[in-house]
Amino acid sequence: MRRITTASLALTLAATGALTGAAATLAQDGSDLKIGLVTDVGQLEDKSFNEFTYAGVLDAAEALGAESDVIITEEVADYKDNMQAFVNEGFDIIVTPGSLIGTATYEMALENPDIYFVGIDQDTSTDETPNYQGVVFREDEAGYLAGIVAATITESDVIGAVGGTMLPAVVRYIDGYINGARSINPDIEVLTQEASPQPEIGFNTPDLGGEIASQMIDLGADVIFQVAGGTGVGVLEATCEAGGYGIGVDVDQTLSLPPQAAECVVTSAEKKLQDTTSSVIESIADGTFEGGVKTYDVASVPPAIALSPFQETYADLLTPELQEALDAATAGFIDGSIDPGAKPE
């Protein structure tokens, strides 16, 4: 277990651009709250789930005048012990990012009904855990928007998507991507490939990602969407080297990847981890919190799904026609006229 002071981390996040500042200070309802984050295994400054979830914790703490702290998990076996440390210290809210820590979070919520738990990207909460909200996202909406971009900017009418392991969230991203692309060009060819059915390989093997991307490029793909974690770094590096376009996932990957992988990323299919985390925590303070699995999407307030801003290098690709198509799709998600997650044929 490793602890980092709130002050030092706030400086780090501000320097990387993850901390955007809280909204206007709320009433002092939450001023005596103690909010703790237990990270998933890995670095806190990962420019992904750990970092942006904690940025949301900091935003909420600032807005509420609450106290916050973080425990960095070094081993999977430490999940519950790290949460228990916050329980022992009298914390009121414990936040955990990522699906892998979901079971441990559910068990801790059952054991500690007087403490609130917020699990980002977790669908393990139930009616038995009114003190635990599992936050899940409409990845199919984000994938659909990415597919519209891919089908609009491709010059070959062949695009690709690489999934690390075909977990439900990955499938939703890729199904949405296919549907979005076909909404622009019904005849477009969409190449898809799972890196490995074993997550430890599928999401952590950059060389394998590069090989898959190269195969797709040889088949004519000039736009590739990566939904493969560390493997996706290799996907994007190969795409950039071949002069293609990349689309990132989960967060703005122009900020989170090494230059050789980020340079050709046009945009990313993004879950608004920071804003959503902050909003859920603030709902605890204002009494609107709901337990169970809750789905967040483009219609959430604040929006939980969006494309990241187009990289400046590719700003001219965001034409008025493309923006109109993206806006129309978003409106269709909200009014129900478009099902982004319909199973592609």
Protein backbone atom coordinates (compact mmCIF):
# COMPACT_ATOMS: atom_id res chain seq x y z
CA MET A 1 0.00 0.00 0.00
CA ARG A 2 1.31 3.45 -0.88
CA ARG A 3 -0.18 6.79 0.15
CA ILE A 4 0.21 10.13 -1.63
CA THR A 5 -0.71 13.45 -0.08
CA THR A 6 -3.57 15.32 -1.67
CA ALA A 7 -1.50 18.46 -2.07
CA SER A 8 1.33 16.83 -4.00
CA LEU A 9 -1.03 14.92 -6.26
CA ALA A 10 -3.10 18.02 -7.02
CA LEU A 11 0.06 19.70 -8.27
CA THR A 12 0.85 16.67 -10.46
CA LEU A 13 -2.62 16.55 -11.97
CA ALA A 14 -2.68 20.28 -12.58
CA ALA A 15 0.62 19.98 -14.43
CA THR A 16 -0.71 17.20 -16.68
CA GLY A 17 -4.00 18.94 -17.37
CA ALA A 18 -6.16 16.31 -15.66
CA LEU A 19 -7.40 18.63 -12.92
CA THR A 20 -9.75 21.18 -14.43
CA GLY A 21 -11.06 22.75 -11.26
CA ALA A 22 -14.39 22.28 -9.50
CA ALA A 23 -17.65 23.99 -10.20
CA ALA A 24 -18.84 26.75 -7.91
CA THR A 25 -18.54 25.70 -4.27
CA LEU A 26 -21.64 23.91 -3.04
CA ALA A 27 -23.36 24.42 0.27
CA GLN A 28 -21.37 23.01 3.18
CA ASP A 29 -23.44 19.78 3.21
CA GLY A 30 -20.33 17.74 2.48
CA SER A 31 -17.76 19.78 4.36
CA ASP A 32 -17.21 17.05 6.95
CA LEU A 33 -16.96 14.23 4.42
CA LYS A 34 -13.82 12.17 3.96
CA ILE A 35 -13.41 10.78 0.43
CA GLY A 36 -10.85 8.10 -0.39
CA LEU A 37 -9.72 6.58 -3.66
CA VAL A 38 -8.24 3.09 -3.84
CA THR A 39 -6.57 2.74 -7.22
CA ASP A 40 -6.37 -0.29 -9.42
CA VAL A 41 -2.92 -1.82 -9.81
CA GLY A 42 -0.59 0.54 -11.66
CA GLN A 43 0.56 4.11 -11.46
CA LEU A 44 -1.71 6.84 -10.17
CA GLU A 45 -0.50 9.16 -12.92
CA ASP A 46 -1.52 6.67 -15.63
CA LYS A 47 -3.38 9.27 -17.74
CA SER A 48 -6.26 6.80 -17.69
CA PHE A 49 -8.70 5.37 -15.15
CA ASN A 50 -6.68 5.90 -11.98
CA GLU A 51 -5.64 9.46 -12.75
CA PHE A 52 -8.88 10.81 -14.18
CA THR A 53 -11.04 9.14 -11.54
CA TYR A 54 -8.92 10.72 -8.85
CA ALA A 55 -9.12 14.08 -10.60
CA GLY A 56 -12.91 13.71 -10.21
CA VAL A 57 -12.44 12.96 -6.51
CA LEU A 58 -10.38 16.13 -6.14
CA ASP A 59 -12.99 18.18 -8.01
CA ALA A 60 -15.75 16.91 -5.72
CA ALA A 61 -13.66 17.44 -2.60
CA GLU A 62 -12.95 21.02 -3.64
CA ALA A 63 -16.60 21.70 -4.43
CA LEU A 64 -17.76 20.26 -1.10
CA GLY A 65 -14.93 21.46 1.08
CA ALA A 66 -14.29 17.81 1.92
CA GLU A 67 -11.12 15.92 2.81
CA SER A 68 -9.65 13.48 0.28
CA ASP A 69 -6.85 10.94 0.13
CA VAL A 70 -5.61 8.11 -2.10
CA ILE A 71 -4.13 4.67 -1.60
CA ILE A 72 -2.16 3.23 -4.53
CA THR A 73 -2.70 -0.49 -4.96
CA GLU A 74 0.46 -2.43 -5.73
CA GLU A 75 -1.00 -5.97 -5.76
CA VAL A 76 -4.47 -7.26 -6.64
CA ALA A 77 -4.51 -9.12 -3.33
CA ASP A 78 -4.41 -5.74 -1.54
CA TYR A 79 -7.73 -4.37 -2.87
CA LYS A 80 -9.80 -5.10 0.24
CA ASP A 81 -7.01 -4.32 2.71
CA ASN A 82 -6.57 -0.90 1.13
CA MET A 83 -10.29 -0.18 1.33
CA GLN A 84 -10.29 -1.43 4.91
CA ALA A 85 -7.61 1.13 5.76
CA PHE A 86 -10.02 3.91 4.79
CA VAL A 87 -12.83 2.21 6.72
CA ASN A 88 -10.63 2.11 9.81
CA GLU A 89 -9.85 5.81 9.40
CA GLY A 90 -13.52 6.80 9.31
CA PHE A 91 -13.83 7.69 5.62
CA ASP A 92 -17.39 8.26 4.40
CA ILE A 93 -16.93 7.58 0.67
CA ILE A 94 -14.59 5.13 -1.03
CA VAL A 95 -14.09 5.30 -4.80
CA THR A 96 -12.51 2.54 -6.89
CA PRO A 97 -11.72 2.68 -10.64
CA GLY A 98 -11.92 -0.21 -13.08
CA SER A 99 -13.73 -3.51 -13.43
CA LEU A 100 -11.00 -5.66 -11.87
CA ILE A 101 -11.54 -4.14 -8.43
CA GLY A 102 -15.34 -4.47 -8.71
CA THR A 103 -15.81 -7.74 -6.79
CA ALA A 104 -13.72 -6.50 -3.87
CA THR A 105 -15.68 -3.23 -3.83
CA TYR A 106 -18.99 -5.11 -3.79
CA GLU A 107 -17.86 -7.26 -0.89
CA MET A 108 -16.67 -4.23 1.09
CA ALA A 109 -19.98 -2.47 0.46
CA LEU A 110 -21.86 -5.47 1.89
CA GLU A 111 -19.60 -5.50 4.93
CA ASN A 112 -19.83 -1.72 5.52
CA PRO A 113 -23.42 -0.57 4.86
CA ASP A 114 -22.83 2.83 6.49
CA ILE A 115 -20.10 3.79 4.02
CA TYR A 116 -20.73 4.86 0.42
CA PHE A 117 -18.83 3.12 -2.36
CA VAL A 118 -18.52 4.37 -5.94
CA GLY A 119 -17.17 1.87 -8.49
CA ILE A 120 -16.20 3.28 -11.87
CA ASP A 121 -16.77 0.87 -14.78
CA GLN A 122 -18.21 -1.75 -12.42
CA ASP A 123 -21.48 -3.64 -12.82
CA THR A 124 -21.25 -5.70 -9.64
CA SER A 125 -23.52 -3.65 -7.35
CA THR A 126 -27.03 -4.94 -6.62
CA ASP A 127 -30.21 -4.10 -4.75
CA GLU A 128 -28.46 -5.53 -1.70
CA THR A 129 -25.95 -2.68 -1.81
CA PRO A 130 -27.87 0.62 -1.71
CA ASN A 131 -24.63 2.20 -0.47
CA TYR A 132 -22.73 1.19 -3.62
CA GLN A 133 -23.20 2.60 -7.10
CA GLY A 134 -21.61 0.79 -10.00
CA VAL A 135 -20.99 3.39 -12.71
CA VAL A 136 -21.15 1.98 -16.23
CA PHE A 137 -21.01 3.77 -19.57
CA ARG A 138 -22.62 3.47 -23.00
CA GLU A 139 -19.46 2.52 -24.84
CA ASP A 140 -21.56 1.79 -27.91
CA GLU A 141 -22.43 5.49 -28.16
CA ALA A 142 -18.75 6.46 -28.04
CA GLY A 143 -17.88 3.75 -30.56
CA TYR A 144 -20.67 4.88 -32.91
CA LEU A 145 -19.33 8.44 -32.93
CA ALA A 146 -15.83 7.11 -33.59
CA GLY A 147 -17.20 5.02 -36.46
CA ILE A 148 -18.77 8.09 -38.04
CA VAL A 149 -15.38 9.80 -37.92
CA ALA A 150 -13.58 6.78 -39.35
CA ALA A 151 -16.00 6.35 -42.25
CA THR A 152 -15.80 10.04 -43.05
CA ILE A 153 -12.02 10.41 -43.10
CA THR A 154 -11.03 7.09 -44.70
CA GLU A 155 -9.73 7.26 -48.25
CA SER A 156 -9.79 3.49 -48.85
CA ASP A 157 -13.24 2.68 -47.45
CA VAL A 158 -11.51 0.04 -45.31
CA ILE A 159 -11.21 0.70 -41.56
CA GLY A 160 -10.23 -1.44 -38.59
CA ALA A 161 -10.82 -1.98 -34.88
CA VAL A 162 -8.63 -3.99 -32.51
CA GLY A 163 -10.03 -5.25 -29.20
CA GLY A 164 -7.72 -6.50 -26.48
CA THR A 165 -10.08 -9.21 -25.22
CA MET A 166 -13.74 -9.28 -26.21
CA LEU A 167 -15.08 -8.30 -22.83
CA PRO A 168 -18.57 -6.74 -22.83
CA ALA A 169 -17.32 -3.14 -22.82
CA VAL A 170 -14.94 -3.87 -25.70
CA VAL A 171 -17.71 -5.52 -27.70
CA ARG A 172 -19.96 -2.51 -27.11
CA TYR A 173 -17.27 -0.15 -28.36
CA ILE A 174 -16.67 -2.18 -31.51
CA ASP A 175 -20.35 -2.87 -32.27
CA GLY A 176 -21.00 0.85 -32.01
CA TYR A 177 -18.00 1.58 -34.22
CA ILE A 178 -19.28 -0.73 -36.96
CA ASN A 179 -22.80 0.72 -36.78
CA GLY A 180 -21.55 4.30 -36.83
CA ALA A 181 -19.33 3.64 -39.84
CA ARG A 182 -22.15 1.95 -41.74
CA SER A 183 -24.45 4.89 -41.03
CA ILE A 184 -22.12 6.92 -43.25
CA ASN A 185 -21.26 4.23 -45.79
CA PRO A 186 -23.31 1.00 -45.73
CA ASP A 187 -20.72 -0.68 -47.95
CA ILE A 188 -17.66 0.19 -45.89
CA GLU A 189 -15.38 -2.73 -44.95
CA VAL A 190 -14.71 -2.91 -41.21
CA LEU A 191 -11.91 -5.26 -40.14
CA THR A 192 -12.06 -6.39 -36.50
CA GLN A 193 -9.68 -8.54 -34.47
CA GLU A 194 -9.37 -9.70 -30.87
CA ALA A 195 -5.76 -9.62 -29.71
CA SER A 196 -6.18 -12.55 -27.28
CA PRO A 197 -8.96 -14.19 -25.25
CA GLN A 198 -6.62 -13.92 -22.27
CA PRO A 199 -6.83 -10.35 -20.86
CA GLU A 200 -3.30 -10.39 -19.48
CA ILE A 201 -2.11 -10.85 -23.05
CA GLY A 202 -4.87 -9.03 -24.88
CA PHE A 203 -4.36 -5.74 -23.08
CA ASN A 204 -0.64 -5.80 -22.36
CA THR A 205 1.21 -6.84 -25.53
CA PRO A 206 2.16 -3.86 -27.73
CA ASP A 207 4.10 -6.00 -30.22
CA LEU A 208 1.02 -8.13 -30.84
CA GLY A 209 -1.06 -5.00 -31.38
CA GLY A 210 1.45 -3.78 -33.92
CA GLU A 211 1.30 -7.08 -35.80
CA ILE A 212 -2.50 -7.01 -35.97
CA ALA A 213 -2.57 -3.39 -37.12
CA SER A 214 0.03 -4.13 -39.80
CA GLN A 215 -2.11 -6.97 -41.12
CA MET A 216 -5.12 -4.65 -41.31
CA ILE A 217 -3.05 -2.01 -43.07
CA ASP A 218 -1.90 -4.61 -45.61
CA LEU A 219 -5.59 -5.29 -46.27
CA GLY A 220 -6.20 -1.61 -47.02
CA ALA A 221 -7.25 -0.15 -43.66
CA ASP A 222 -6.23 3.48 -43.25
CA VAL A 223 -8.13 4.24 -40.01
CA ILE A 224 -7.80 1.98 -36.94
CA PHE A 225 -9.65 2.22 -33.63
CA GLN A 226 -7.85 0.64 -30.67
CA VAL A 227 -9.76 -0.80 -27.71
CA ALA A 228 -6.85 -2.77 -26.36
CA GLY A 229 -5.09 -0.95 -23.51
CA GLY A 230 -1.31 -1.47 -23.66
CA THR A 231 -1.70 -3.64 -26.74
CA GLY A 232 -3.39 -0.66 -28.36
CA VAL A 233 -0.19 1.37 -28.02
CA GLY A 234 1.36 -0.99 -30.55
CA VAL A 235 -1.76 -0.73 -32.73
CA LEU A 236 -1.44 3.02 -32.92
CA GLU A 237 2.33 3.02 -33.36
CA ALA A 238 1.99 0.77 -36.41
CA THR A 239 -0.85 2.91 -37.74
CA CYS A 240 1.17 6.08 -37.38
CA GLU A 241 4.23 4.51 -38.99
CA ALA A 242 2.11 3.52 -42.00
CA GLY A 243 0.71 7.04 -42.37
CA GLY A 244 -2.81 6.10 -41.29
CA TYR A 245 -5.23 7.65 -38.85
CA GLY A 246 -5.73 6.36 -35.29
CA ILE A 247 -8.69 6.66 -32.93
CA GLY A 248 -8.08 6.27 -29.19
CA VAL A 249 -10.29 5.01 -26.39
CA ASP A 250 -11.58 5.84 -22.88
CA VAL A 251 -9.63 9.11 -22.44
CA ASP A 252 -8.06 11.69 -24.74
CA GLN A 253 -5.16 9.59 -25.96
CA THR A 254 -3.32 12.49 -27.50
CA LEU A 255 -2.47 13.27 -23.86
CA SER A 256 -1.95 9.74 -22.58
CA LEU A 257 0.26 8.01 -25.15
CA PRO A 258 3.93 8.30 -26.13
CA PRO A 259 4.46 10.61 -29.13
CA GLN A 260 5.08 7.81 -31.60
CA ALA A 261 1.61 6.41 -30.84
CA ALA A 262 -0.25 9.70 -30.31
CA GLU A 263 0.90 11.63 -33.36
CA CYS A 264 -1.72 10.12 -35.70
CA VAL A 265 -4.61 10.00 -33.20
CA VAL A 266 -7.37 12.13 -34.66
CA THR A 267 -9.76 11.85 -31.69
CA SER A 268 -10.71 9.38 -28.96
CA ALA A 269 -13.96 7.67 -27.96
CA GLU A 270 -14.08 9.03 -24.46
CA LYS A 271 -15.74 8.19 -21.17
CA LYS A 272 -15.87 11.35 -19.09
CA LEU A 273 -14.36 9.72 -16.02
CA GLN A 274 -13.48 12.91 -14.19
CA ASP A 275 -16.81 14.68 -14.59
CA THR A 276 -18.87 11.57 -13.86
CA THR A 277 -16.90 10.64 -10.75
CA SER A 278 -17.28 14.14 -9.36
CA SER A 279 -21.02 14.20 -10.12
CA VAL A 280 -21.69 10.88 -8.37
CA ILE A 281 -19.78 11.95 -5.26
CA GLU A 282 -21.68 15.24 -5.14
CA SER A 283 -24.95 13.30 -5.35
CA ILE A 284 -24.05 11.69 -2.02
CA ALA A 285 -23.70 15.10 -0.42
CA ASP A 286 -26.97 16.46 -1.84
CA GLY A 287 -29.01 13.34 -1.07
CA THR A 288 -29.74 12.21 -4.64
CA PHE A 289 -27.36 9.23 -4.66
CA GLU A 290 -28.79 5.93 -5.90
CA GLY A 291 -27.31 2.50 -5.29
CA GLY A 292 -27.11 -0.27 -7.86
CA VAL A 293 -25.73 -0.24 -11.38
CA LYS A 294 -26.31 3.12 -13.09
CA THR A 295 -25.64 3.78 -16.76
CA TYR A 296 -24.20 7.10 -17.91
CA ASP A 297 -24.35 8.32 -21.50
CA VAL A 298 -24.45 11.35 -23.79
CA ALA A 299 -27.67 12.53 -22.14
CA SER A 300 -26.26 12.47 -18.60
CA VAL A 301 -25.65 15.73 -16.77
CA PRO A 302 -22.78 16.33 -17.18
CA PRO A 303 -22.41 14.30 -20.41
CA ALA A 304 -20.57 11.04 -19.74
CA ILE A 305 -19.80 10.10 -23.35
CA ALA A 306 -18.16 12.25 -26.03
CA LEU A 307 -15.41 12.41 -28.58
CA SER A 308 -12.23 14.07 -27.42
CA PRO A 309 -11.32 17.30 -29.22
CA PHE A 310 -9.71 16.66 -32.59
CA GLN A 311 -5.95 16.95 -32.41
CA GLU A 312 -4.88 20.33 -33.77
CA THR A 313 -2.99 18.65 -36.61
CA TYR A 314 -6.26 17.15 -37.84
CA ALA A 315 -8.64 20.00 -37.06
CA ASP A 316 -9.50 20.41 -40.75
CA LEU A 317 -10.94 16.87 -40.79
CA LEU A 318 -13.79 18.04 -38.59
CA THR A 319 -15.80 19.52 -41.42
CA PRO A 320 -19.26 21.06 -40.99
CA GLU A 321 -20.70 17.93 -42.60
CA LEU A 322 -18.93 15.64 -40.14
CA GLN A 323 -19.99 17.78 -37.19
CA GLU A 324 -23.57 17.69 -38.44
CA ALA A 325 -23.46 13.87 -38.62
CA LEU A 326 -22.07 13.64 -35.08
CA ASP A 327 -24.72 16.01 -33.75
CA ALA A 328 -27.48 14.09 -35.51
CA ALA A 329 -26.26 10.80 -34.06
CA THR A 330 -26.10 12.25 -30.56
CA ALA A 331 -29.65 13.53 -30.90
CA GLY A 332 -30.70 10.10 -32.13
CA PHE A 333 -29.22 8.41 -29.07
CA ILE A 334 -31.16 10.77 -26.82
CA ASP A 335 -34.54 10.47 -28.56
CA GLY A 336 -34.16 6.73 -29.12
CA SER A 337 -34.26 6.81 -32.90
CA ILE A 338 -30.71 5.35 -33.11
CA ASP A 339 -29.62 2.19 -31.31
CA PRO A 340 -25.82 2.42 -31.43
CA GLY A 341 -25.39 -1.02 -29.91
CA ALA A 342 -27.56 -2.99 -32.32
CA LYS A 343 -25.75 -6.22 -33.16
CA PRO A 344 -24.08 -5.72 -36.56
CA GLU A 345 -24.71 -8.37 -39.18
